[in-house]
């Protein structure tokens, strides 16, 4: 059993939620992650309080023609840690 994932035949075995943002091409990794952290700031304490078995992460997907600069400040990583959030990077370098 479980809920269907979108228009697929895949059934979710656990509950969850997803926030998405699409950013202009000139936004840095740091700016994008900070924007997402601002979106969840009002529930930051609730995120932190969730059971440690709950997977909490920001997933970053980047499509580019050459490897981007990937940098997060210590202030940003501290906020990620305070909320108990992991971060996952998927980098796709497109060749033309």
PDB file of N, CA and C in Angstrom:
ATOM      1  N   UNK A   1       0.835  -1.184   0.000  1.00  0.00           N
ATOM      2  CA  UNK A   1       0.000   0.000   0.000  1.00  0.00           C
ATOM      3  C   UNK A   1       0.872   1.237   0.000  1.00  0.00           C
ATOM      4  N   UNK A   2       0.276   2.375   0.107  1.00  0.00           N
ATOM      5  CA  UNK A   2       0.999   3.640   0.093  1.00  0.00           C
ATOM      6  C   UNK A   2       0.462   4.533  -1.009  1.00  0.00           C
ATOM      7  N   UNK A   3       0.781   5.805  -0.932  1.00  0.00           N
ATOM      8  CA  UNK A   3       0.307   6.782  -1.913  1.00  0.00           C
ATOM      9  C   UNK A   3       1.146   6.701  -3.183  1.00  0.00           C
ATOM     10  N   UNK A   4       0.493   6.924  -4.323  1.00  0.00           N
ATOM     11  CA  UNK A   4       1.213   6.951  -5.594  1.00  0.00           C
ATOM     12  C   UNK A   4       2.074   8.199  -5.682  1.00  0.00           C
ATOM     13  N   UNK A   5       3.259   8.049  -6.264  1.00  0.00           N
ATOM     14  CA  UNK A   5       4.164   9.186  -6.486  1.00  0.00           C
ATOM     15  C   UNK A   5       3.837   9.793  -7.840  1.00  0.00           C
ATOM     16  N   UNK A   6       3.199  10.960  -7.797  1.00  0.00           N
ATOM     17  CA  UNK A   6       2.875  11.674  -9.036  1.00  0.00           C
ATOM     18  C   UNK A   6       2.135  10.805 -10.037  1.00  0.00           C
ATOM     19  N   UNK A   7       2.565  10.864 -11.289  1.00  0.00           N
ATOM     20  CA  UNK A   7       1.916  10.107 -12.366  1.00  0.00           C
ATOM     21  C   UNK A   7       2.685   8.823 -12.657  1.00  0.00           C
ATOM     22  N   UNK A   8       3.211   8.184 -11.617  1.00  0.00           N
ATOM     23  CA  UNK A   8       3.963   6.945 -11.781  1.00  0.00           C
ATOM     24  C   UNK A   8       3.210   5.796 -11.133  1.00  0.00           C
ATOM     25  N   UNK A   9       3.781   4.623 -11.200  1.00  0.00           N
ATOM     26  CA  UNK A   9       3.209   3.470 -10.504  1.00  0.00           C
ATOM     27  C   UNK A   9       3.949   3.205  -9.192  1.00  0.00           C
ATOM     28  N   UNK A  10       4.874   4.092  -8.849  1.00  0.00           N
ATOM     29  CA  UNK A  10       5.652   3.947  -7.620  1.00  0.00           C
ATOM     30  C   UNK A  10       4.802   4.351  -6.424  1.00  0.00           C
ATOM     31  N   UNK A  11       4.814   3.515  -5.400  1.00  0.00           N
ATOM     32  CA  UNK A  11       4.065   3.817  -4.180  1.00  0.00           C
ATOM     33  C   UNK A  11       5.026   4.204  -3.062  1.00  0.00           C
ATOM     34  N   UNK A  12       4.718   5.328  -2.422  1.00  0.00           N
ATOM     35  CA  UNK A  12       5.526   5.790  -1.291  1.00  0.00           C
ATOM     36  C   UNK A  12       5.227   4.916  -0.080  1.00  0.00           C
ATOM     37  N   UNK A  13       6.272   4.493   0.604  1.00  0.00           N
ATOM     38  CA  UNK A  13       6.122   3.642   1.795  1.00  0.00           C
ATOM     39  C   UNK A  13       6.158   4.448   3.089  1.00  0.00           C
ATOM     40  N   UNK A  14       6.474   5.728   2.972  1.00  0.00           N
ATOM     41  CA  UNK A  14       6.491   6.588   4.154  1.00  0.00           C
ATOM     42  C   UNK A  14       6.016   7.979   3.749  1.00  0.00           C
ATOM     43  N   UNK A  15       5.641   8.763   4.725  1.00  0.00           N
ATOM     44  CA  UNK A  15       5.141  10.105   4.429  1.00  0.00           C
ATOM     45  C   UNK A  15       6.295  11.091   4.345  1.00  0.00           C
ATOM     46  N   UNK A  16       6.045  12.245   3.778  1.00  0.00           N
ATOM     47  CA  UNK A  16       7.072  13.266   3.673  1.00  0.00           C
ATOM     48  C   UNK A  16       6.529  14.492   2.977  1.00  0.00           C
ATOM     49  N   UNK A  17       7.378  15.493   2.835  1.00  0.00           N
ATOM     50  CA  UNK A  17       6.997  16.689   2.099  1.00  0.00           C
ATOM     51  C   UNK A  17       8.209  17.240   1.389  1.00  0.00           C
ATOM     52  N   UNK A  18       7.936  17.989   0.335  1.00  0.00           N
ATOM     53  CA  UNK A  18       8.996  18.542  -0.507  1.00  0.00           C
ATOM     54  C   UNK A  18       8.696  20.011  -0.776  1.00  0.00           C
ATOM     55  N   UNK A  19       9.697  20.868  -0.605  1.00  0.00           N
ATOM     56  CA  UNK A  19       9.625  22.265  -1.036  1.00  0.00           C
ATOM     57  C   UNK A  19      10.547  22.397  -2.238  1.00  0.00           C
ATOM     58  N   UNK A  20      10.115  23.110  -3.240  1.00  0.00           N
ATOM     59  CA  UNK A  20      10.995  23.305  -4.389  1.00  0.00           C
ATOM     60  C   UNK A  20      11.180  24.793  -4.660  1.00  0.00           C
ATOM     61  N   UNK A  21      12.297  25.109  -5.221  1.00  0.00           N
ATOM     62  CA  UNK A  21      12.609  26.460  -5.690  1.00  0.00           C
ATOM     63  C   UNK A  21      13.337  26.326  -7.010  1.00  0.00           C
ATOM     64  N   UNK A  22      13.029  27.180  -7.942  1.00  0.00           N
ATOM     65  CA  UNK A  22      13.806  27.273  -9.170  1.00  0.00           C
ATOM     66  C   UNK A  22      14.434  28.646  -9.170  1.00  0.00           C
ATOM     67  N   UNK A  23      15.745  28.680  -9.364  1.00  0.00           N
ATOM     68  CA  UNK A  23      16.479  29.925  -9.270  1.00  0.00           C
ATOM     69  C   UNK A  23      17.007  30.351 -10.626  1.00  0.00           C
ATOM     70  N   UNK A  24      17.224  31.645 -10.819  1.00  0.00           N
ATOM     71  CA  UNK A  24      17.880  32.119 -12.047  1.00  0.00           C
ATOM     72  C   UNK A  24      19.277  31.501 -12.158  1.00  0.00           C
ATOM     73  N   UNK A  25      19.801  31.461 -13.352  1.00  0.00           N
ATOM     74  CA  UNK A  25      21.093  30.818 -13.588  1.00  0.00           C
ATOM     75  C   UNK A  25      22.254  31.486 -12.869  1.00  0.00           C
ATOM     76  N   UNK A  26      22.111  32.752 -12.504  1.00  0.00           N
ATOM     77  CA  UNK A  26      23.231  33.448 -11.869  1.00  0.00           C
ATOM     78  C   UNK A  26      23.235  33.355 -10.340  1.00  0.00           C
ATOM     79  N   UNK A  27      22.327  32.570  -9.760  1.00  0.00           N
ATOM     80  CA  UNK A  27      22.285  32.403  -8.311  1.00  0.00           C
ATOM     81  C   UNK A  27      23.366  31.410  -7.891  1.00  0.00           C
ATOM     82  N   UNK A  28      24.127  31.782  -6.859  1.00  0.00           N
ATOM     83  CA  UNK A  28      25.168  30.882  -6.367  1.00  0.00           C
ATOM     84  C   UNK A  28      24.552  29.776  -5.508  1.00  0.00           C
ATOM     85  N   UNK A  29      25.324  28.734  -5.282  1.00  0.00           N
ATOM     86  CA  UNK A  29      24.882  27.648  -4.410  1.00  0.00           C
ATOM     87  C   UNK A  29      24.524  28.200  -3.032  1.00  0.00           C
ATOM     88  N   UNK A  30      25.385  29.046  -2.491  1.00  0.00           N
ATOM     89  CA  UNK A  30      25.144  29.643  -1.177  1.00  0.00           C
ATOM     90  C   UNK A  30      23.819  30.402  -1.152  1.00  0.00           C
ATOM     91  N   UNK A  31      23.569  31.228  -2.155  1.00  0.00           N
ATOM     92  CA  UNK A  31      22.320  32.009  -2.194  1.00  0.00           C
ATOM     93  C   UNK A  31      21.099  31.094  -2.263  1.00  0.00           C
ATOM     94  N   UNK A  32      21.175  30.042  -3.037  1.00  0.00           N
ATOM     95  CA  UNK A  32      20.047  29.116  -3.159  1.00  0.00           C
ATOM     96  C   UNK A  32      19.767  28.381  -1.862  1.00  0.00           C
ATOM     97  N   UNK A  33      20.814  27.890  -1.206  1.00  0.00           N
ATOM     98  CA  UNK A  33      20.631  27.170   0.060  1.00  0.00           C
ATOM     99  C   UNK A  33      20.116  28.124   1.135  1.00  0.00           C
ATOM    100  N   UNK A  34      20.658  29.322   1.199  1.00  0.00           N
ATOM    101  CA  UNK A  34      20.181  30.311   2.189  1.00  0.00           C
ATOM    102  C   UNK A  34      18.700  30.637   1.943  1.00  0.00           C
ATOM    103  N   UNK A  35      18.300  30.757   0.691  1.00  0.00           N
ATOM    104  CA  UNK A  35      16.888  31.028   0.379  1.00  0.00           C
ATOM    105  C   UNK A  35      15.991  29.894   0.886  1.00  0.00           C
ATOM    106  N   UNK A  36      16.439  28.648   0.710  1.00  0.00           N
ATOM    107  CA  UNK A  36      15.642  27.520   1.211  1.00  0.00           C
ATOM    108  C   UNK A  36      15.599  27.517   2.741  1.00  0.00           C
ATOM    109  N   UNK A  37      16.713  27.828   3.371  1.00  0.00           N
ATOM    110  CA  UNK A  37      16.730  27.886   4.836  1.00  0.00           C
ATOM    111  C   UNK A  37      15.801  28.971   5.359  1.00  0.00           C
ATOM    112  N   UNK A  38      15.722  30.083   4.652  1.00  0.00           N
ATOM    113  CA  UNK A  38      14.779  31.149   5.053  1.00  0.00           C
ATOM    114  C   UNK A  38      13.340  30.656   4.965  1.00  0.00           C
ATOM    115  N   UNK A  39      13.056  29.834   3.952  1.00  0.00           N
ATOM    116  CA  UNK A  39      11.693  29.315   3.797  1.00  0.00           C
ATOM    117  C   UNK A  39      11.279  28.421   4.954  1.00  0.00           C
ATOM    118  N   UNK A  40      12.237  27.707   5.549  1.00  0.00           N
ATOM    119  CA  UNK A  40      11.888  26.791   6.638  1.00  0.00           C
ATOM    120  C   UNK A  40      12.211  27.365   8.020  1.00  0.00           C
ATOM    121  N   UNK A  41      12.708  28.592   8.081  1.00  0.00           N
ATOM    122  CA  UNK A  41      13.124  29.186   9.359  1.00  0.00           C
ATOM    123  C   UNK A  41      12.004  29.202  10.398  1.00  0.00           C
ATOM    124  N   UNK A  42      10.783  29.435   9.965  1.00  0.00           N
ATOM    125  CA  UNK A  42       9.671  29.523  10.929  1.00  0.00           C
ATOM    126  C   UNK A  42       9.357  28.171  11.581  1.00  0.00           C
ATOM    127  N   UNK A  43       9.816  27.077  10.981  1.00  0.00           N
ATOM    128  CA  UNK A  43       9.595  25.743  11.559  1.00  0.00           C
ATOM    129  C   UNK A  43      10.924  25.062  11.906  1.00  0.00           C
ATOM    130  N   UNK A  44      11.981  25.854  11.984  1.00  0.00           N
ATOM    131  CA  UNK A  44      13.313  25.312  12.250  1.00  0.00           C
ATOM    132  C   UNK A  44      13.386  24.485  13.527  1.00  0.00           C
ATOM    133  N   UNK A  45      12.776  24.966  14.593  1.00  0.00           N
ATOM    134  CA  UNK A  45      12.789  24.221  15.859  1.00  0.00           C
ATOM    135  C   UNK A  45      12.031  22.905  15.727  1.00  0.00           C
ATOM    136  N   UNK A  46      10.948  22.921  14.972  1.00  0.00           N
ATOM    137  CA  UNK A  46      10.183  21.679  14.763  1.00  0.00           C
ATOM    138  C   UNK A  46      10.988  20.684  13.932  1.00  0.00           C
ATOM    139  N   UNK A  47      11.729  21.190  12.944  1.00  0.00           N
ATOM    140  CA  UNK A  47      12.604  20.308  12.169  1.00  0.00           C
ATOM    141  C   UNK A  47      13.641  19.654  13.074  1.00  0.00           C
ATOM    142  N   UNK A  48      14.260  20.481  13.902  1.00  0.00           N
ATOM    143  CA  UNK A  48      15.293  19.976  14.800  1.00  0.00           C
ATOM    144  C   UNK A  48      14.738  18.925  15.750  1.00  0.00           C
ATOM    145  N   UNK A  49      13.489  19.106  16.173  1.00  0.00           N
ATOM    146  CA  UNK A  49      12.879  18.215  17.151  1.00  0.00           C
ATOM    147  C   UNK A  49      12.375  16.895  16.564  1.00  0.00           C
ATOM    148  N   UNK A  50      12.341  16.785  15.242  1.00  0.00           N
ATOM    149  CA  UNK A  50      11.883  15.529  14.645  1.00  0.00           C
ATOM    150  C   UNK A  50      12.798  14.380  15.043  1.00  0.00           C
ATOM    151  N   UNK A  51      12.230  13.205  15.107  1.00  0.00           N
ATOM    152  CA  UNK A  51      12.979  12.000  15.449  1.00  0.00           C
ATOM    153  C   UNK A  51      14.237  11.870  14.594  1.00  0.00           C
ATOM    154  N   UNK A  52      15.312  11.402  15.182  1.00  0.00           N
ATOM    155  CA  UNK A  52      16.579  11.283  14.448  1.00  0.00           C
ATOM    156  C   UNK A  52      16.510  10.250  13.327  1.00  0.00           C
ATOM    157  N   UNK A  53      15.504   9.395  13.327  1.00  0.00           N
ATOM    158  CA  UNK A  53      15.333   8.411  12.243  1.00  0.00           C
ATOM    159  C   UNK A  53      14.691   9.020  10.998  1.00  0.00           C
ATOM    160  N   UNK A  54      14.205  10.249  11.118  1.00  0.00           N
ATOM    161  CA  UNK A  54      13.571  10.926   9.989  1.00  0.00           C
ATOM    162  C   UNK A  54      14.659  11.546   9.120  1.00  0.00           C
ATOM    163  N   UNK A  55      14.597  11.273   7.813  1.00  0.00           N
ATOM    164  CA  UNK A  55      15.571  11.857   6.889  1.00  0.00           C
ATOM    165  C   UNK A  55      15.164  13.284   6.582  1.00  0.00           C
ATOM    166  N   UNK A  56      16.069  14.224   6.873  1.00  0.00           N
ATOM    167  CA  UNK A  56      15.823  15.645   6.619  1.00  0.00           C
ATOM    168  C   UNK A  56      16.996  16.159   5.805  1.00  0.00           C
ATOM    169  N   UNK A  57      16.717  16.616   4.603  1.00  0.00           N
ATOM    170  CA  UNK A  57      17.821  17.106   3.786  1.00  0.00           C
ATOM    171  C   UNK A  57      17.353  18.124   2.765  1.00  0.00           C
ATOM    172  N   UNK A  58      18.303  18.927   2.336  1.00  0.00           N
ATOM    173  CA  UNK A  58      18.106  19.811   1.193  1.00  0.00           C
ATOM    174  C   UNK A  58      18.796  19.123   0.026  1.00  0.00           C
ATOM    175  N   UNK A  59      18.068  18.947  -1.035  1.00  0.00           N
ATOM    176  CA  UNK A  59      18.615  18.327  -2.239  1.00  0.00           C
ATOM    177  C   UNK A  59      18.852  19.424  -3.266  1.00  0.00           C
ATOM    178  N   UNK A  60      20.081  19.514  -3.751  1.00  0.00           N
ATOM    179  CA  UNK A  60      20.453  20.536  -4.722  1.00  0.00           C
ATOM    180  C   UNK A  60      20.766  19.842  -6.043  1.00  0.00           C
ATOM    181  N   UNK A  61      20.056  20.237  -7.086  1.00  0.00           N
ATOM    182  CA  UNK A  61      20.296  19.683  -8.425  1.00  0.00           C
ATOM    183  C   UNK A  61      20.792  20.822  -9.302  1.00  0.00           C
ATOM    184  N   UNK A  62      21.954  20.612  -9.909  1.00  0.00           N
ATOM    185  CA  UNK A  62      22.567  21.654 -10.735  1.00  0.00           C
ATOM    186  C   UNK A  62      22.828  21.089 -12.127  1.00  0.00           C
ATOM    187  N   UNK A  63      22.307  21.784 -13.139  1.00  0.00           N
ATOM    188  CA  UNK A  63      22.603  21.478 -14.540  1.00  0.00           C
ATOM    189  C   UNK A  63      23.484  22.609 -15.051  1.00  0.00           C
ATOM    190  N   UNK A  64      24.638  22.274 -15.608  1.00  0.00           N
ATOM    191  CA  UNK A  64      25.554  23.309 -16.069  1.00  0.00           C
ATOM    192  C   UNK A  64      26.424  22.789 -17.209  1.00  0.00           C
ATOM    193  N   UNK A  65      27.113  23.705 -17.878  1.00  0.00           N
ATOM    194  CA  UNK A  65      27.988  23.306 -18.978  1.00  0.00           C
ATOM    195  C   UNK A  65      29.428  23.115 -18.521  1.00  0.00           C
ATOM    196  N   UNK A  66      29.761  23.607 -17.328  1.00  0.00           N
ATOM    197  CA  UNK A  66      31.097  23.391 -16.757  1.00  0.00           C
ATOM    198  C   UNK A  66      30.949  23.328 -15.237  1.00  0.00           C
ATOM    199  N   UNK A  67      31.882  22.714 -14.558  1.00  0.00           N
ATOM    200  CA  UNK A  67      31.751  22.573 -13.105  1.00  0.00           C
ATOM    201  C   UNK A  67      31.606  23.937 -12.416  1.00  0.00           C
ATOM    202  N   UNK A  68      30.594  24.083 -11.581  1.00  0.00           N
ATOM    203  CA  UNK A  68      30.385  25.355 -10.884  1.00  0.00           C
ATOM    204  C   UNK A  68      31.249  25.445  -9.628  1.00  0.00           C
ATOM    205  N   UNK A  69      31.367  26.644  -9.102  1.00  0.00           N
ATOM    206  CA  UNK A  69      31.980  26.829  -7.801  1.00  0.00           C
ATOM    207  C   UNK A  69      30.970  26.364  -6.762  1.00  0.00           C
ATOM    208  N   UNK A  70      31.384  25.468  -5.908  1.00  0.00           N
ATOM    209  CA  UNK A  70      30.473  24.937  -4.890  1.00  0.00           C
ATOM    210  C   UNK A  70      31.036  25.284  -3.520  1.00  0.00           C
ATOM    211  N   UNK A  71      30.406  26.248  -2.870  1.00  0.00           N
ATOM    212  CA  UNK A  71      30.881  26.753  -1.591  1.00  0.00           C
ATOM    213  C   UNK A  71      29.698  27.057  -0.693  1.00  0.00           C
ATOM    214  N   UNK A  72      29.782  26.649   0.568  1.00  0.00           N
ATOM    215  CA  UNK A  72      28.822  27.043   1.595  1.00  0.00           C
ATOM    216  C   UNK A  72      29.598  27.637   2.755  1.00  0.00           C
ATOM    217  N   UNK A  73      29.151  28.769   3.246  1.00  0.00           N
ATOM    218  CA  UNK A  73      29.828  29.426   4.365  1.00  0.00           C
ATOM    219  C   UNK A  73      29.639  28.629   5.652  1.00  0.00           C
ATOM    220  N   UNK A  74      30.495  28.903   6.606  1.00  0.00           N
ATOM    221  CA  UNK A  74      30.367  28.225   7.898  1.00  0.00           C
ATOM    222  C   UNK A  74      29.043  28.608   8.569  1.00  0.00           C
ATOM    223  N   UNK A  75      28.585  29.837   8.367  1.00  0.00           N
ATOM    224  CA  UNK A  75      27.296  30.261   8.949  1.00  0.00           C
ATOM    225  C   UNK A  75      26.152  29.415   8.392  1.00  0.00           C
ATOM    226  N   UNK A  76      26.189  29.148   7.084  1.00  0.00           N
ATOM    227  CA  UNK A  76      25.135  28.344   6.458  1.00  0.00           C
ATOM    228  C   UNK A  76      25.200  26.897   6.939  1.00  0.00           C
ATOM    229  N   UNK A  77      26.398  26.337   7.028  1.00  0.00           N
ATOM    230  CA  UNK A  77      26.502  24.949   7.494  1.00  0.00           C
ATOM    231  C   UNK A  77      26.096  24.831   8.962  1.00  0.00           C
ATOM    232  N   UNK A  78      26.304  25.874   9.746  1.00  0.00           N
ATOM    233  CA  UNK A  78      25.852  25.856  11.141  1.00  0.00           C
ATOM    234  C   UNK A  78      24.328  25.819  11.221  1.00  0.00           C
ATOM    235  N   UNK A  79      23.656  26.580  10.357  1.00  0.00           N
ATOM    236  CA  UNK A  79      22.190  26.565  10.345  1.00  0.00           C
ATOM    237  C   UNK A  79      21.687  25.189   9.901  1.00  0.00           C
ATOM    238  N   UNK A  80      22.304  24.624   8.867  1.00  0.00           N
ATOM    239  CA  UNK A  80      21.934  23.265   8.442  1.00  0.00           C
ATOM    240  C   UNK A  80      22.049  22.299   9.619  1.00  0.00           C
ATOM    241  N   UNK A  81      23.157  22.380  10.335  1.00  0.00           N
ATOM    242  CA  UNK A  81      23.368  21.505  11.484  1.00  0.00           C
ATOM    243  C   UNK A  81      22.381  21.757  12.605  1.00  0.00           C
ATOM    244  N   UNK A  82      22.073  23.017  12.858  1.00  0.00           N
ATOM    245  CA  UNK A  82      21.125  23.363  13.926  1.00  0.00           C
ATOM    246  C   UNK A  82      19.745  22.781  13.651  1.00  0.00           C
ATOM    247  N   UNK A  83      19.360  22.732  12.383  1.00  0.00           N
ATOM    248  CA  UNK A  83      18.059  22.173  12.012  1.00  0.00           C
ATOM    249  C   UNK A  83      18.127  20.662  11.814  1.00  0.00           C
ATOM    250  N   UNK A  84      19.324  20.100  11.880  1.00  0.00           N
ATOM    251  CA  UNK A  84      19.471  18.663  11.665  1.00  0.00           C
ATOM    252  C   UNK A  84      19.321  18.278  10.202  1.00  0.00           C
ATOM    253  N   UNK A  85      19.614  19.218   9.302  1.00  0.00           N
ATOM    254  CA  UNK A  85      19.444  18.973   7.874  1.00  0.00           C
ATOM    255  C   UNK A  85      20.735  18.506   7.217  1.00  0.00           C
ATOM    256  N   UNK A  86      20.619  17.483   6.395  1.00  0.00           N
ATOM    257  CA  UNK A  86      21.723  17.089   5.539  1.00  0.00           C
ATOM    258  C   UNK A  86      21.599  17.836   4.225  1.00  0.00           C
ATOM    259  N   UNK A  87      22.587  17.675   3.370  1.00  0.00           N
ATOM    260  CA  UNK A  87      22.511  18.295   2.052  1.00  0.00           C
ATOM    261  C   UNK A  87      23.020  17.287   1.025  1.00  0.00           C
ATOM    262  N   UNK A  88      22.301  17.179  -0.078  1.00  0.00           N
ATOM    263  CA  UNK A  88      22.626  16.231  -1.140  1.00  0.00           C
ATOM    264  C   UNK A  88      22.818  17.024  -2.426  1.00  0.00           C
ATOM    265  N   UNK A  89      23.926  16.778  -3.124  1.00  0.00           N
ATOM    266  CA  UNK A  89      24.213  17.474  -4.371  1.00  0.00           C
ATOM    267  C   UNK A  89      24.133  16.503  -5.532  1.00  0.00           C
ATOM    268  N   UNK A  90      23.393  16.879  -6.559  1.00  0.00           N
ATOM    269  CA  UNK A  90      23.380  16.158  -7.837  1.00  0.00           C
ATOM    270  C   UNK A  90      23.836  17.142  -8.886  1.00  0.00           C
ATOM    271  N   UNK A  91      24.992  16.891  -9.454  1.00  0.00           N
ATOM    272  CA  UNK A  91      25.598  17.789 -10.426  1.00  0.00           C
ATOM    273  C   UNK A  91      25.593  17.134 -11.796  1.00  0.00           C
ATOM    274  N   UNK A  92      24.984  17.794 -12.774  1.00  0.00           N
ATOM    275  CA  UNK A  92      24.910  17.295 -14.134  1.00  0.00           C
ATOM    276  C   UNK A  92      25.629  18.261 -15.064  1.00  0.00           C
ATOM    277  N   UNK A  93      26.753  17.827 -15.589  1.00  0.00           N
ATOM    278  CA  UNK A  93      27.510  18.674 -16.516  1.00  0.00           C
ATOM    279  C   UNK A  93      27.094  18.279 -17.929  1.00  0.00           C
ATOM    280  N   UNK A  94      26.472  19.221 -18.623  1.00  0.00           N
ATOM    281  CA  UNK A  94      25.918  18.967 -19.944  1.00  0.00           C
ATOM    282  C   UNK A  94      26.946  19.337 -21.013  1.00  0.00           C
ATOM    283  N   UNK A  95      27.143  18.470 -21.945  1.00  0.00           N
ATOM    284  CA  UNK A  95      28.071  18.734 -23.062  1.00  0.00           C
ATOM    285  C   UNK A  95      27.254  19.085 -24.289  1.00  0.00           C
ATOM    286  N   UNK A  96      27.656  20.127 -24.979  1.00  0.00           N
ATOM    287  CA  UNK A  96      26.917  20.563 -26.175  1.00  0.00           C
ATOM    288  C   UNK A  96      27.636  20.163 -27.417  1.00  0.00           C
TER     289      UNK A  96
END
